[in-house]
N, C-alpha and C. Protein backbone atom coordinates (compact mmCIF):
# COMPACT_ATOMS: atom_id res chain seq x y z
N MET A 1 -25.01 6.33 -7.72
CA MET A 1 -24.68 5.19 -6.90
C MET A 1 -24.45 5.70 -5.48
N LYS A 2 -25.00 5.02 -4.49
CA LYS A 2 -24.82 5.40 -3.10
C LYS A 2 -23.35 5.33 -2.73
N SER A 3 -22.98 6.14 -1.76
CA SER A 3 -21.59 6.23 -1.35
C SER A 3 -21.02 4.87 -0.91
N SER A 4 -21.77 4.10 -0.12
CA SER A 4 -21.24 2.81 0.34
C SER A 4 -21.13 1.82 -0.83
N ALA A 5 -22.07 1.86 -1.74
CA ALA A 5 -21.99 0.98 -2.91
C ALA A 5 -20.81 1.38 -3.79
N LYS A 6 -20.62 2.68 -3.97
CA LYS A 6 -19.50 3.17 -4.77
C LYS A 6 -18.17 2.76 -4.13
N ASN A 7 -18.07 2.93 -2.81
CA ASN A 7 -16.86 2.54 -2.10
C ASN A 7 -16.59 1.05 -2.24
N LEU A 8 -17.64 0.24 -2.16
CA LEU A 8 -17.49 -1.21 -2.26
C LEU A 8 -16.98 -1.61 -3.65
N VAL A 9 -17.56 -1.01 -4.68
CA VAL A 9 -17.13 -1.31 -6.05
C VAL A 9 -15.68 -0.87 -6.27
N LEU A 10 -15.34 0.33 -5.81
CA LEU A 10 -13.97 0.81 -5.98
C LEU A 10 -12.99 -0.03 -5.17
N ALA A 11 -13.36 -0.39 -3.95
CA ALA A 11 -12.49 -1.23 -3.12
C ALA A 11 -12.25 -2.58 -3.80
N ALA A 12 -13.29 -3.15 -4.37
CA ALA A 12 -13.15 -4.43 -5.07
C ALA A 12 -12.20 -4.28 -6.27
N MET A 13 -12.31 -3.15 -6.97
CA MET A 13 -11.43 -2.90 -8.11
C MET A 13 -9.97 -2.79 -7.65
N PHE A 14 -9.73 -2.07 -6.55
CA PHE A 14 -8.35 -1.94 -6.06
C PHE A 14 -7.81 -3.26 -5.52
N LEU A 15 -8.68 -4.06 -4.93
CA LEU A 15 -8.26 -5.38 -4.47
C LEU A 15 -7.87 -6.26 -5.66
N ALA A 16 -8.66 -6.20 -6.73
CA ALA A 16 -8.33 -6.94 -7.95
C ALA A 16 -7.01 -6.44 -8.53
N LEU A 17 -6.80 -5.14 -8.51
CA LEU A 17 -5.55 -4.56 -9.00
C LEU A 17 -4.36 -5.08 -8.19
N ALA A 18 -4.54 -5.20 -6.88
CA ALA A 18 -3.48 -5.73 -6.03
C ALA A 18 -3.18 -7.20 -6.34
N MET A 19 -4.17 -7.92 -6.84
CA MET A 19 -3.94 -9.32 -7.21
C MET A 19 -3.20 -9.42 -8.54
N VAL A 20 -3.47 -8.51 -9.47
CA VAL A 20 -2.96 -8.58 -10.83
C VAL A 20 -1.59 -7.91 -11.00
N LEU A 21 -1.37 -6.77 -10.39
CA LEU A 21 -0.11 -6.04 -10.61
C LEU A 21 1.14 -6.87 -10.36
N PRO A 22 1.18 -7.68 -9.31
CA PRO A 22 2.41 -8.48 -9.12
C PRO A 22 2.72 -9.42 -10.28
N PHE A 23 1.70 -9.89 -10.99
CA PHE A 23 1.97 -10.76 -12.14
C PHE A 23 2.75 -10.02 -13.22
N LEU A 24 2.58 -8.72 -13.31
CA LEU A 24 3.26 -7.94 -14.34
C LEU A 24 4.75 -7.77 -14.06
N VAL A 25 5.12 -7.77 -12.78
CA VAL A 25 6.53 -7.50 -12.46
C VAL A 25 7.24 -8.66 -11.78
N MET A 26 6.52 -9.64 -11.32
CA MET A 26 7.16 -10.71 -10.56
C MET A 26 7.78 -11.81 -11.42
N GLN A 27 7.80 -11.64 -12.72
CA GLN A 27 8.51 -12.59 -13.56
C GLN A 27 9.99 -12.54 -13.25
N LEU A 28 10.43 -11.39 -12.78
CA LEU A 28 11.80 -11.21 -12.29
C LEU A 28 11.68 -10.90 -10.80
N PRO A 29 11.74 -11.91 -9.93
CA PRO A 29 11.41 -11.74 -8.52
C PRO A 29 12.15 -10.61 -7.81
N THR A 30 13.44 -10.46 -8.05
CA THR A 30 14.18 -9.40 -7.37
C THR A 30 13.65 -8.04 -7.79
N LEU A 31 13.44 -7.85 -9.08
CA LEU A 31 12.91 -6.59 -9.59
C LEU A 31 11.49 -6.37 -9.07
N GLY A 32 10.68 -7.41 -9.11
CA GLY A 32 9.30 -7.30 -8.65
C GLY A 32 9.20 -6.88 -7.21
N GLN A 33 10.05 -7.45 -6.35
CA GLN A 33 10.03 -7.08 -4.93
C GLN A 33 10.44 -5.62 -4.75
N MET A 34 11.37 -5.14 -5.55
CA MET A 34 11.82 -3.75 -5.43
C MET A 34 10.75 -2.77 -5.91
N LEU A 35 9.89 -3.19 -6.83
CA LEU A 35 8.88 -2.28 -7.39
C LEU A 35 7.62 -2.19 -6.54
N LEU A 36 7.44 -3.09 -5.58
CA LEU A 36 6.35 -3.03 -4.61
C LEU A 36 4.97 -2.95 -5.27
N PRO A 37 4.62 -3.89 -6.11
CA PRO A 37 3.40 -3.75 -6.92
C PRO A 37 2.09 -3.66 -6.14
N MET A 38 1.95 -4.34 -5.03
CA MET A 38 0.68 -4.27 -4.29
C MET A 38 0.49 -2.93 -3.59
N HIS A 39 1.57 -2.23 -3.34
CA HIS A 39 1.49 -0.95 -2.64
C HIS A 39 0.67 0.08 -3.42
N TYR A 40 0.77 0.04 -4.74
CA TYR A 40 0.05 1.01 -5.57
C TYR A 40 -1.45 0.94 -5.34
N ALA A 41 -1.97 -0.28 -5.28
CA ALA A 41 -3.41 -0.46 -5.07
C ALA A 41 -3.82 0.08 -3.71
N ALA A 42 -3.00 -0.13 -2.69
CA ALA A 42 -3.33 0.35 -1.35
C ALA A 42 -3.33 1.88 -1.31
N PHE A 43 -2.30 2.49 -1.87
CA PHE A 43 -2.24 3.96 -1.88
C PHE A 43 -3.42 4.55 -2.67
N LEU A 44 -3.67 4.01 -3.86
CA LEU A 44 -4.76 4.54 -4.68
C LEU A 44 -6.11 4.33 -4.01
N ALA A 45 -6.31 3.21 -3.35
CA ALA A 45 -7.55 2.99 -2.59
C ALA A 45 -7.70 4.07 -1.53
N GLY A 46 -6.61 4.44 -0.90
CA GLY A 46 -6.65 5.50 0.10
C GLY A 46 -7.04 6.85 -0.47
N PHE A 47 -6.56 7.16 -1.66
CA PHE A 47 -6.91 8.44 -2.28
C PHE A 47 -8.37 8.45 -2.74
N VAL A 48 -8.90 7.30 -3.12
CA VAL A 48 -10.22 7.24 -3.74
C VAL A 48 -11.33 6.83 -2.77
N CYS A 49 -11.07 5.87 -1.91
CA CYS A 49 -12.10 5.29 -1.04
C CYS A 49 -12.12 5.94 0.34
N SER A 50 -13.19 5.70 1.06
CA SER A 50 -13.28 6.14 2.45
C SER A 50 -12.31 5.31 3.29
N PRO A 51 -11.96 5.79 4.49
CA PRO A 51 -10.92 5.12 5.28
C PRO A 51 -11.16 3.63 5.55
N GLY A 52 -12.36 3.24 5.91
CA GLY A 52 -12.63 1.84 6.22
C GLY A 52 -12.45 0.93 5.03
N TYR A 53 -12.97 1.34 3.90
CA TYR A 53 -12.83 0.53 2.68
C TYR A 53 -11.37 0.48 2.23
N ALA A 54 -10.69 1.61 2.30
CA ALA A 54 -9.28 1.65 1.90
C ALA A 54 -8.45 0.74 2.79
N ALA A 55 -8.66 0.83 4.10
CA ALA A 55 -7.91 -0.01 5.04
C ALA A 55 -8.18 -1.49 4.79
N ALA A 56 -9.42 -1.82 4.48
CA ALA A 56 -9.76 -3.23 4.20
C ALA A 56 -9.00 -3.73 2.97
N VAL A 57 -8.93 -2.91 1.93
CA VAL A 57 -8.17 -3.31 0.73
C VAL A 57 -6.72 -3.59 1.11
N GLY A 58 -6.12 -2.66 1.84
CA GLY A 58 -4.72 -2.82 2.22
C GLY A 58 -4.48 -4.06 3.07
N PHE A 59 -5.38 -4.33 4.00
CA PHE A 59 -5.18 -5.47 4.90
C PHE A 59 -5.42 -6.80 4.19
N ILE A 60 -6.45 -6.86 3.38
CA ILE A 60 -6.84 -8.12 2.74
C ILE A 60 -5.90 -8.50 1.59
N ALA A 61 -5.41 -7.53 0.84
CA ALA A 61 -4.66 -7.81 -0.39
C ALA A 61 -3.51 -8.80 -0.21
N PRO A 62 -2.56 -8.56 0.69
CA PRO A 62 -1.44 -9.51 0.78
C PRO A 62 -1.86 -10.88 1.33
N LEU A 63 -2.85 -10.89 2.22
CA LEU A 63 -3.32 -12.16 2.77
C LEU A 63 -4.02 -12.99 1.71
N LEU A 64 -4.88 -12.34 0.93
CA LEU A 64 -5.60 -13.03 -0.14
C LEU A 64 -4.63 -13.52 -1.22
N ARG A 65 -3.69 -12.68 -1.58
CA ARG A 65 -2.72 -13.06 -2.61
C ARG A 65 -1.87 -14.24 -2.14
N SER A 66 -1.50 -14.22 -0.87
CA SER A 66 -0.75 -15.34 -0.31
C SER A 66 -1.58 -16.61 -0.31
N ALA A 67 -2.85 -16.50 0.08
CA ALA A 67 -3.72 -17.68 0.13
C ALA A 67 -3.99 -18.24 -1.27
N LEU A 68 -4.17 -17.35 -2.24
CA LEU A 68 -4.49 -17.79 -3.60
C LEU A 68 -3.28 -18.26 -4.40
N PHE A 69 -2.17 -17.55 -4.27
CA PHE A 69 -1.03 -17.79 -5.15
C PHE A 69 0.25 -18.20 -4.44
N GLY A 70 0.23 -18.21 -3.11
CA GLY A 70 1.42 -18.59 -2.35
C GLY A 70 2.49 -17.52 -2.27
N MET A 71 2.21 -16.37 -2.83
CA MET A 71 3.16 -15.24 -2.79
C MET A 71 2.40 -13.98 -2.44
N PRO A 72 2.88 -13.21 -1.52
CA PRO A 72 4.07 -13.43 -0.72
C PRO A 72 3.84 -14.55 0.29
N PRO A 73 4.90 -15.14 0.83
CA PRO A 73 4.71 -16.17 1.85
C PRO A 73 3.92 -15.61 3.03
N MET A 74 3.01 -16.41 3.57
CA MET A 74 2.12 -15.92 4.62
C MET A 74 2.90 -15.42 5.84
N PHE A 75 3.86 -16.22 6.31
CA PHE A 75 4.60 -15.83 7.51
C PHE A 75 6.07 -15.64 7.17
N PRO A 76 6.64 -14.54 7.51
CA PRO A 76 6.05 -13.36 8.13
C PRO A 76 5.63 -12.29 7.12
N THR A 77 5.95 -12.51 5.84
CA THR A 77 5.84 -11.45 4.85
C THR A 77 4.41 -10.94 4.66
N ALA A 78 3.48 -11.81 4.30
CA ALA A 78 2.10 -11.36 4.03
C ALA A 78 1.45 -10.78 5.28
N LEU A 79 1.72 -11.38 6.42
CA LEU A 79 1.15 -10.85 7.66
C LEU A 79 1.65 -9.43 7.94
N ALA A 80 2.95 -9.22 7.82
CA ALA A 80 3.50 -7.88 8.05
C ALA A 80 3.01 -6.91 6.98
N MET A 81 2.94 -7.38 5.73
CA MET A 81 2.45 -6.51 4.65
C MET A 81 0.99 -6.12 4.86
N ALA A 82 0.20 -7.01 5.44
CA ALA A 82 -1.21 -6.69 5.68
C ALA A 82 -1.33 -5.45 6.56
N PHE A 83 -0.53 -5.38 7.61
CA PHE A 83 -0.56 -4.22 8.49
C PHE A 83 0.05 -2.99 7.82
N GLU A 84 1.10 -3.21 7.05
CA GLU A 84 1.76 -2.12 6.33
C GLU A 84 0.82 -1.50 5.30
N LEU A 85 0.23 -2.31 4.43
CA LEU A 85 -0.65 -1.80 3.38
C LEU A 85 -1.94 -1.23 3.96
N CYS A 86 -2.43 -1.82 5.03
CA CYS A 86 -3.59 -1.27 5.73
C CYS A 86 -3.26 0.15 6.21
N THR A 87 -2.08 0.32 6.78
CA THR A 87 -1.65 1.64 7.26
C THR A 87 -1.51 2.62 6.11
N TYR A 88 -0.89 2.18 5.01
CA TYR A 88 -0.78 3.06 3.85
C TYR A 88 -2.14 3.59 3.43
N ALA A 89 -3.06 2.67 3.24
CA ALA A 89 -4.38 3.04 2.73
C ALA A 89 -5.15 3.90 3.73
N LEU A 90 -5.10 3.52 5.00
CA LEU A 90 -5.83 4.26 6.03
C LEU A 90 -5.29 5.67 6.20
N VAL A 91 -3.97 5.80 6.34
CA VAL A 91 -3.37 7.13 6.52
C VAL A 91 -3.61 7.98 5.28
N THR A 92 -3.45 7.40 4.10
CA THR A 92 -3.70 8.15 2.86
C THR A 92 -5.13 8.68 2.86
N SER A 93 -6.10 7.84 3.15
CA SER A 93 -7.50 8.25 3.12
C SER A 93 -7.79 9.31 4.18
N LEU A 94 -7.30 9.09 5.39
CA LEU A 94 -7.57 10.05 6.47
C LEU A 94 -6.96 11.41 6.19
N VAL A 95 -5.71 11.42 5.76
CA VAL A 95 -5.02 12.70 5.51
C VAL A 95 -5.62 13.40 4.29
N PHE A 96 -5.75 12.69 3.19
CA PHE A 96 -6.19 13.32 1.94
C PHE A 96 -7.62 13.86 2.03
N HIS A 97 -8.51 13.09 2.59
CA HIS A 97 -9.91 13.50 2.60
C HIS A 97 -10.22 14.56 3.66
N ARG A 98 -9.29 14.82 4.55
CA ARG A 98 -9.50 15.89 5.54
C ARG A 98 -8.99 17.23 5.04
N LYS A 99 -8.21 17.22 3.98
CA LYS A 99 -7.66 18.46 3.43
C LYS A 99 -8.73 19.15 2.57
N LYS A 100 -8.75 20.47 2.64
CA LYS A 100 -9.73 21.22 1.86
C LYS A 100 -9.31 21.33 0.40
N THR A 101 -8.03 21.44 0.17
CA THR A 101 -7.54 21.49 -1.22
C THR A 101 -6.77 20.22 -1.50
N HIS A 102 -6.86 19.77 -2.72
CA HIS A 102 -6.17 18.56 -3.14
C HIS A 102 -5.13 18.88 -4.21
N SER A 103 -4.25 19.81 -3.86
CA SER A 103 -3.18 20.22 -4.76
C SER A 103 -2.11 19.14 -4.83
N MET A 104 -1.16 19.34 -5.71
CA MET A 104 -0.05 18.41 -5.82
C MET A 104 0.72 18.35 -4.50
N GLY A 105 0.85 19.47 -3.82
CA GLY A 105 1.50 19.49 -2.51
C GLY A 105 0.77 18.61 -1.51
N THR A 106 -0.56 18.70 -1.50
CA THR A 106 -1.36 17.86 -0.60
C THR A 106 -1.17 16.39 -0.93
N ILE A 107 -1.13 16.08 -2.20
CA ILE A 107 -0.94 14.69 -2.63
C ILE A 107 0.41 14.17 -2.11
N TYR A 108 1.47 14.97 -2.25
CA TYR A 108 2.78 14.52 -1.79
C TYR A 108 2.86 14.42 -0.27
N VAL A 109 2.29 15.38 0.45
CA VAL A 109 2.29 15.31 1.92
C VAL A 109 1.55 14.04 2.36
N THR A 110 0.42 13.79 1.73
CA THR A 110 -0.36 12.59 2.04
C THR A 110 0.44 11.33 1.78
N LEU A 111 1.03 11.25 0.61
CA LEU A 111 1.78 10.06 0.21
C LEU A 111 2.99 9.83 1.11
N LEU A 112 3.75 10.86 1.38
CA LEU A 112 4.93 10.71 2.23
C LEU A 112 4.55 10.34 3.67
N SER A 113 3.48 10.94 4.18
CA SER A 113 3.01 10.60 5.53
C SER A 113 2.62 9.13 5.61
N ALA A 114 1.88 8.67 4.62
CA ALA A 114 1.44 7.28 4.60
C ALA A 114 2.63 6.33 4.43
N MET A 115 3.58 6.70 3.57
CA MET A 115 4.75 5.85 3.36
C MET A 115 5.54 5.66 4.67
N LEU A 116 5.76 6.75 5.37
CA LEU A 116 6.53 6.66 6.62
C LEU A 116 5.76 5.88 7.69
N ALA A 117 4.47 6.15 7.83
CA ALA A 117 3.66 5.43 8.82
C ALA A 117 3.61 3.93 8.50
N GLY A 118 3.40 3.59 7.24
CA GLY A 118 3.32 2.19 6.84
C GLY A 118 4.62 1.44 7.06
N ARG A 119 5.73 2.09 6.76
CA ARG A 119 7.02 1.43 6.95
C ARG A 119 7.33 1.25 8.44
N LEU A 120 6.93 2.21 9.25
CA LEU A 120 7.11 2.09 10.70
C LEU A 120 6.27 0.92 11.24
N VAL A 121 5.03 0.84 10.82
CA VAL A 121 4.16 -0.26 11.24
C VAL A 121 4.72 -1.59 10.76
N TRP A 122 5.20 -1.64 9.52
CA TRP A 122 5.80 -2.87 9.00
C TRP A 122 6.97 -3.31 9.89
N GLY A 123 7.82 -2.38 10.27
CA GLY A 123 8.96 -2.70 11.11
C GLY A 123 8.55 -3.23 12.48
N ILE A 124 7.54 -2.62 13.07
CA ILE A 124 7.06 -3.07 14.38
C ILE A 124 6.46 -4.47 14.27
N VAL A 125 5.65 -4.70 13.25
CA VAL A 125 5.03 -6.01 13.08
C VAL A 125 6.09 -7.07 12.76
N MET A 126 7.04 -6.75 11.90
CA MET A 126 8.11 -7.71 11.60
C MET A 126 8.91 -8.05 12.85
N ALA A 127 9.22 -7.06 13.67
CA ALA A 127 9.96 -7.32 14.91
C ALA A 127 9.16 -8.25 15.81
N ALA A 128 7.85 -8.02 15.91
CA ALA A 128 7.00 -8.87 16.74
C ALA A 128 6.92 -10.28 16.19
N LEU A 129 6.69 -10.41 14.88
CA LEU A 129 6.58 -11.73 14.28
C LEU A 129 7.89 -12.51 14.35
N MET A 130 8.97 -11.83 14.08
CA MET A 130 10.28 -12.50 14.15
C MET A 130 10.59 -12.89 15.59
N GLY A 131 10.24 -12.04 16.54
CA GLY A 131 10.43 -12.36 17.95
C GLY A 131 9.63 -13.58 18.37
N LEU A 132 8.39 -13.69 17.86
CA LEU A 132 7.55 -14.84 18.17
C LEU A 132 8.14 -16.14 17.65
N SER A 133 8.87 -16.04 16.54
CA SER A 133 9.47 -17.24 15.96
C SER A 133 10.90 -17.47 16.46
N GLY A 134 11.33 -16.65 17.43
CA GLY A 134 12.66 -16.83 18.01
C GLY A 134 13.79 -16.24 17.20
N ASN A 135 13.46 -15.39 16.25
CA ASN A 135 14.49 -14.74 15.44
C ASN A 135 14.55 -13.25 15.75
N ALA A 136 15.68 -12.66 15.46
CA ALA A 136 15.85 -11.23 15.69
C ALA A 136 15.53 -10.45 14.42
N PHE A 137 15.00 -9.27 14.61
CA PHE A 137 14.77 -8.34 13.51
C PHE A 137 15.52 -7.07 13.88
N THR A 138 16.70 -6.92 13.31
CA THR A 138 17.58 -5.82 13.68
C THR A 138 17.17 -4.52 13.02
N PHE A 139 17.74 -3.44 13.52
CA PHE A 139 17.49 -2.13 12.92
C PHE A 139 18.04 -2.10 11.49
N GLN A 140 19.14 -2.79 11.26
CA GLN A 140 19.71 -2.86 9.91
C GLN A 140 18.76 -3.61 8.98
N ALA A 141 18.11 -4.66 9.46
CA ALA A 141 17.14 -5.40 8.65
C ALA A 141 15.94 -4.51 8.35
N PHE A 142 15.53 -3.70 9.33
CA PHE A 142 14.43 -2.76 9.12
C PHE A 142 14.80 -1.76 8.03
N LEU A 143 15.97 -1.14 8.14
CA LEU A 143 16.38 -0.15 7.14
C LEU A 143 16.49 -0.77 5.75
N ALA A 144 17.06 -1.98 5.68
CA ALA A 144 17.20 -2.65 4.39
C ALA A 144 15.84 -2.97 3.79
N GLY A 145 14.93 -3.52 4.57
CA GLY A 145 13.62 -3.92 4.06
C GLY A 145 12.70 -2.75 3.78
N ALA A 146 12.76 -1.73 4.64
CA ALA A 146 11.82 -0.62 4.51
C ALA A 146 12.29 0.45 3.53
N PHE A 147 13.59 0.59 3.37
CA PHE A 147 14.07 1.69 2.55
C PHE A 147 15.07 1.28 1.47
N THR A 148 16.16 0.66 1.86
CA THR A 148 17.24 0.39 0.91
C THR A 148 16.78 -0.46 -0.27
N SER A 149 16.25 -1.64 -0.01
CA SER A 149 15.84 -2.51 -1.11
C SER A 149 14.57 -2.01 -1.79
N ALA A 150 13.81 -1.17 -1.10
CA ALA A 150 12.55 -0.66 -1.64
C ALA A 150 12.72 0.66 -2.38
N LEU A 151 13.91 1.22 -2.40
CA LEU A 151 14.12 2.55 -2.96
C LEU A 151 13.63 2.71 -4.40
N PRO A 152 13.90 1.77 -5.31
CA PRO A 152 13.36 1.95 -6.66
C PRO A 152 11.82 2.05 -6.68
N GLY A 153 11.16 1.21 -5.91
CA GLY A 153 9.71 1.25 -5.84
C GLY A 153 9.20 2.54 -5.23
N ILE A 154 9.88 3.03 -4.20
CA ILE A 154 9.49 4.28 -3.55
C ILE A 154 9.59 5.43 -4.54
N ILE A 155 10.68 5.48 -5.28
CA ILE A 155 10.87 6.56 -6.25
C ILE A 155 9.78 6.51 -7.33
N ILE A 156 9.52 5.32 -7.84
CA ILE A 156 8.48 5.19 -8.87
C ILE A 156 7.11 5.55 -8.31
N GLN A 157 6.83 5.16 -7.07
CA GLN A 157 5.56 5.54 -6.43
C GLN A 157 5.44 7.05 -6.31
N LEU A 158 6.53 7.71 -5.93
CA LEU A 158 6.50 9.17 -5.78
C LEU A 158 6.30 9.89 -7.11
N ILE A 159 6.59 9.22 -8.20
CA ILE A 159 6.37 9.80 -9.52
C ILE A 159 4.97 9.42 -10.03
N LEU A 160 4.65 8.13 -10.04
CA LEU A 160 3.42 7.66 -10.68
C LEU A 160 2.14 7.94 -9.90
N ILE A 161 2.15 7.73 -8.60
CA ILE A 161 0.90 7.87 -7.85
C ILE A 161 0.36 9.29 -7.91
N PRO A 162 1.17 10.34 -7.69
CA PRO A 162 0.61 11.69 -7.85
C PRO A 162 0.07 11.95 -9.26
N LEU A 163 0.74 11.42 -10.28
CA LEU A 163 0.25 11.61 -11.65
C LEU A 163 -1.09 10.90 -11.85
N ILE A 164 -1.23 9.71 -11.30
CA ILE A 164 -2.50 8.98 -11.41
C ILE A 164 -3.61 9.71 -10.65
N VAL A 165 -3.29 10.20 -9.46
CA VAL A 165 -4.30 10.94 -8.67
C VAL A 165 -4.72 12.20 -9.42
N ARG A 166 -3.77 12.91 -10.00
CA ARG A 166 -4.12 14.12 -10.78
C ARG A 166 -4.98 13.76 -11.99
N ALA A 167 -4.68 12.65 -12.64
CA ALA A 167 -5.50 12.21 -13.78
C ALA A 167 -6.91 11.87 -13.33
N LEU A 168 -7.04 11.23 -12.18
CA LEU A 168 -8.37 10.92 -11.64
C LEU A 168 -9.13 12.21 -11.30
N GLN A 169 -8.40 13.20 -10.78
CA GLN A 169 -9.03 14.49 -10.48
C GLN A 169 -9.47 15.17 -11.76
N ALA A 170 -8.63 15.16 -12.77
CA ALA A 170 -8.95 15.81 -14.05
C ALA A 170 -10.16 15.16 -14.70
N GLY A 171 -10.31 13.86 -14.54
CA GLY A 171 -11.45 13.14 -15.09
C GLY A 171 -12.66 13.17 -14.18
N HIS A 172 -12.56 13.95 -13.10
CA HIS A 172 -13.65 14.10 -12.13
C HIS A 172 -14.04 12.77 -11.49
N LEU A 173 -13.09 11.86 -11.42
CA LEU A 173 -13.32 10.58 -10.75
C LEU A 173 -12.92 10.66 -9.29
N LEU A 174 -12.25 11.76 -8.92
CA LEU A 174 -11.79 11.97 -7.56
C LEU A 174 -12.06 13.42 -7.21
N HIS A 175 -12.61 13.63 -6.05
CA HIS A 175 -12.93 15.01 -5.63
C HIS A 175 -11.94 15.49 -4.61
């Protein structure tokens, strides 16, 4: 399969995963929000797909899910998440695919770099969107939304995503 066709098929699969994963955990909304289900698809798209396809998955996923299912709410949540997940996927793809070795250390450096960049972008976009609507987005709100309330999801991502990437490598599905 040609590289662009392969990327398109994989991107479509990760986009579908981003649509389905929230159904598994959002039966309990507070728990579901803490587990960050759409983030997994964005990170994995970054490890597997080229940067453009990965970024498209990250950007489209929250907007499409909001349009189709009403969750997350389009403004400001889905809009801010679109930039956040796009950043996750793009940074993951750029960092990971430029490395010569894809050791567990490389996977963690990639994941942590993308997590920090995505959360920073989310904070900037939230501040802009909230400012446009006449509301304030404080540093405390940033810390709570980006780290405190997301901590369970971050921890699970730091455990599961490297294991999934290693499994994909072992199955020769990822180079």
